[in-house]
Protein backbone atom coordinates (compact mmCIF):
# COMPACT_ATOMS: atom_id res chain seq x y z
CA MET A 1 -75.53 37.59 -16.18
CA GLU A 2 -73.13 35.50 -14.06
CA THR A 3 -72.67 32.06 -15.01
CA ILE A 4 -72.63 29.65 -12.05
CA GLN A 5 -72.00 26.01 -11.40
CA VAL A 6 -75.03 23.91 -10.06
CA SER A 7 -75.97 20.38 -9.51
CA GLU A 8 -78.02 18.37 -11.87
CA SER A 9 -80.89 18.43 -9.29
CA CYS A 10 -80.90 22.14 -9.01
CA ALA A 11 -81.24 22.93 -12.90
CA SER A 12 -84.45 23.22 -14.63
CA PRO A 13 -85.11 20.22 -17.00
CA ALA A 14 -83.93 22.35 -20.10
CA ASP A 15 -80.75 23.17 -18.29
CA ARG A 16 -80.06 19.66 -17.26
CA THR A 17 -78.28 19.27 -20.65
CA ARG A 18 -75.76 21.92 -19.86
CA ILE A 19 -73.12 21.77 -17.26
CA ARG A 20 -73.53 25.65 -16.45
CA PHE A 21 -76.42 28.09 -16.98
CA ASP A 22 -76.85 31.78 -16.44
CA ALA A 23 -78.38 32.66 -13.06
CA ASP A 24 -81.71 34.55 -13.62
CA ALA A 25 -83.85 35.18 -10.61
CA TYR A 26 -86.76 35.80 -12.52
CA LEU A 27 -86.92 32.08 -13.47
CA ALA A 28 -88.85 30.20 -10.88
CA GLU A 29 -86.50 27.14 -10.84
CA CYS A 30 -83.25 29.44 -10.68
CA ALA A 31 -81.20 28.50 -7.34
CA SER A 32 -80.40 32.34 -7.32
CA ARG A 33 -83.88 32.81 -5.90
CA THR A 34 -82.94 31.03 -2.50
CA VAL A 35 -80.03 33.29 -2.24
CA LEU A 36 -82.18 36.27 -2.86
CA ALA A 37 -84.63 35.20 -0.12
CA ALA A 38 -81.75 34.63 2.38
CA LEU A 39 -80.32 38.16 1.72
CA SER A 40 -83.86 39.84 1.85
CA ASP A 41 -84.52 38.73 5.42
CA LYS A 42 -84.59 41.65 7.85
CA TRP A 43 -82.62 39.64 10.48
CA THR A 44 -79.96 38.89 7.79
CA CYS A 45 -79.48 42.50 6.72
CA LEU A 46 -79.17 43.55 10.45
CA LEU A 47 -76.67 40.61 11.45
CA VAL A 48 -74.31 41.31 8.46
CA ASP A 49 -74.19 45.00 9.58
CA ALA A 50 -73.97 43.98 13.30
CA LEU A 51 -70.95 41.63 12.28
CA SER A 52 -69.25 44.14 9.88
CA GLY A 53 -66.86 45.14 12.54
CA GLY A 54 -65.46 41.95 13.56
CA PRO A 55 -66.41 38.68 15.61
CA VAL A 56 -69.24 39.23 17.99
CA ARG A 57 -70.68 36.62 20.53
CA PHE A 58 -74.09 35.04 20.37
CA GLY A 59 -75.39 37.27 23.61
CA GLU A 60 -73.87 40.57 22.02
CA LEU A 61 -75.68 40.05 18.82
CA ARG A 62 -79.02 39.33 20.89
CA ARG A 63 -78.39 42.58 22.82
CA ARG A 64 -77.79 44.72 19.74
CA ILE A 65 -80.52 43.61 17.52
CA GLY A 66 -83.61 44.52 19.66
CA GLY A 67 -86.57 42.47 19.13
CA ILE A 68 -84.96 39.33 17.69
CA THR A 69 -85.81 35.98 19.56
CA GLN A 70 -82.94 33.59 20.65
CA LYS A 71 -84.76 31.03 17.97
CA SER A 72 -84.77 33.51 15.18
CA LEU A 73 -81.12 34.59 16.03
CA THR A 74 -80.00 30.75 16.06
CA SER A 75 -81.66 29.85 12.75
CA THR A 76 -80.76 33.06 10.94
CA LEU A 77 -76.84 32.62 12.03
CA ARG A 78 -77.35 28.88 11.10
CA THR A 79 -78.56 29.64 7.64
CA MET A 80 -75.94 32.35 6.94
CA GLU A 81 -73.33 29.95 8.18
CA ARG A 82 -74.66 27.27 5.73
CA ASP A 83 -74.68 29.98 2.84
CA GLY A 84 -71.12 30.60 3.74
CA LEU A 85 -71.54 34.39 5.08
CA VAL A 86 -70.50 33.49 8.52
CA SER A 87 -68.11 31.51 10.35
CA ARG A 88 -68.64 30.28 13.78
CA THR A 89 -65.94 29.38 16.38
CA VAL A 90 -66.60 27.65 19.43
CA TYR A 91 -63.79 28.18 22.20
CA PRO A 92 -62.95 25.24 24.82
CA THR A 93 -64.01 27.28 27.97
CA ILE A 94 -66.63 26.60 30.38
CA PRO A 95 -69.44 27.69 29.59
CA PRO A 96 -68.12 27.38 25.73
CA LYS A 97 -67.33 30.62 24.24
CA VAL A 98 -69.01 31.13 20.81
CA GLU A 99 -68.21 33.84 18.26
CA TYR A 100 -69.61 34.82 14.80
CA GLU A 101 -67.80 36.20 12.11
CA LEU A 102 -68.40 37.53 8.47
CA THR A 103 -66.59 35.43 6.05
CA GLU A 104 -64.79 36.95 2.93
CA LEU A 105 -68.19 36.21 0.93
CA GLY A 106 -70.24 37.60 4.00
CA ARG A 107 -68.03 40.91 3.92
CA SER A 108 -68.86 41.20 0.17
CA VAL A 109 -72.34 42.20 0.95
CA ILE A 110 -71.65 44.66 3.92
CA ARG A 111 -72.18 47.89 1.64
CA LEU A 112 -75.34 46.41 0.24
CA MET A 113 -76.89 45.37 3.62
CA SER A 114 -75.61 48.65 5.60
CA GLY A 115 -77.11 50.63 2.54
CA VAL A 116 -80.38 48.94 2.95
CA LYS A 117 -80.39 49.63 6.62
CA GLU A 118 -79.27 53.17 6.39
CA TRP A 119 -81.92 54.03 3.55
CA ALA A 120 -84.61 52.64 5.88
CA GLU A 121 -83.37 54.75 8.60
CA VAL A 122 -83.39 57.82 6.42
CA HIS A 123 -86.84 57.35 4.75
CA VAL A 124 -88.89 56.03 7.65
CA ASP A 125 -90.69 59.37 8.09
CA GLU A 126 -91.72 59.33 4.40
CA ILE A 127 -92.71 55.76 4.27
CA LEU A 128 -94.98 56.23 7.30
CA ALA A 129 -96.59 59.27 6.19
CA ALA A 130 -97.18 57.11 2.84
CA ARG A 131 -98.70 54.45 4.57
CA ALA A 132 -100.90 56.67 6.72
CA ARG A 133 -102.35 58.53 3.35
CA TYR A 134 -102.88 55.17 1.82
CA ASP A 135 -104.74 53.70 5.05
CA GLU A 136 -106.93 57.06 5.26
CA LEU A 137 -107.86 56.55 1.29
CA ALA A 138 -108.46 53.00 1.84
CA THR A 139 -111.10 53.67 4.53
CA ARG A 140 -113.28 56.28 2.63
CA GLU A 141 -116.46 55.27 0.91
CA VAL A 142 -116.24 54.87 -2.88
CA GLU A 143 -118.21 57.47 -4.50
CA PRO A 144 -120.08 56.04 -7.56
CA VAL A 145 -119.65 58.08 -10.96
CA ARG A 146 -122.91 59.96 -11.83
CA ALA A 147 -124.57 59.55 -15.21
CA GLY A 148 -123.44 62.41 -17.42
CA THR A 149 -120.01 63.08 -15.89
CA GLY A 150 -118.31 61.02 -18.43
CA ILE A 151 -115.97 61.83 -21.26
CA ARG A 152 -117.54 63.97 -24.12
CA ARG A 153 -116.77 63.17 -27.52
C-alpha cells in the first residue's frame, strides 16, 4: 500500500490523528476512490490514449473521439487538468489556439488506459456474445421444480 499525504478534511475520523495514512480504495472514506472514479471514466480512458502522442487541439480531440459531446469533452478535460493529468496551453492568436497535453503524471497512465482500450477492442465479440446469451436466458420462463426430483439421501 502506498502512503499518501492528505488534508485533515479528507481523512476519516480515525485517520485525523495521523498525518499520513495508507490508501485503501475499499474504504468508503478513502480519497483514492475519487481517483479510481476519475480513471474509470470511458472518456478519460479515451482521452489519455488520444493525447499519448503529444499536444492536441480541442477540435481534433472532438473529431477523434466519436460520440463525445462538447460538454463532456470540456468537463472531462477540466477534471483531468484539475487532477494533474493534463496541461492546457492557450496561444494568443485570434481565434485563440488551445492545446491539451498529458503531464508527466498523465503519461504514467498511458499503458494502463491504452491496455484497457485495447482489451475492450480485442474482446468485444466475446462480451457481446455473452450478453446475448444472458439476455436470452433472462427472457425464458422459470420452470418450477417438480416434487420427487430433488436429491435422494
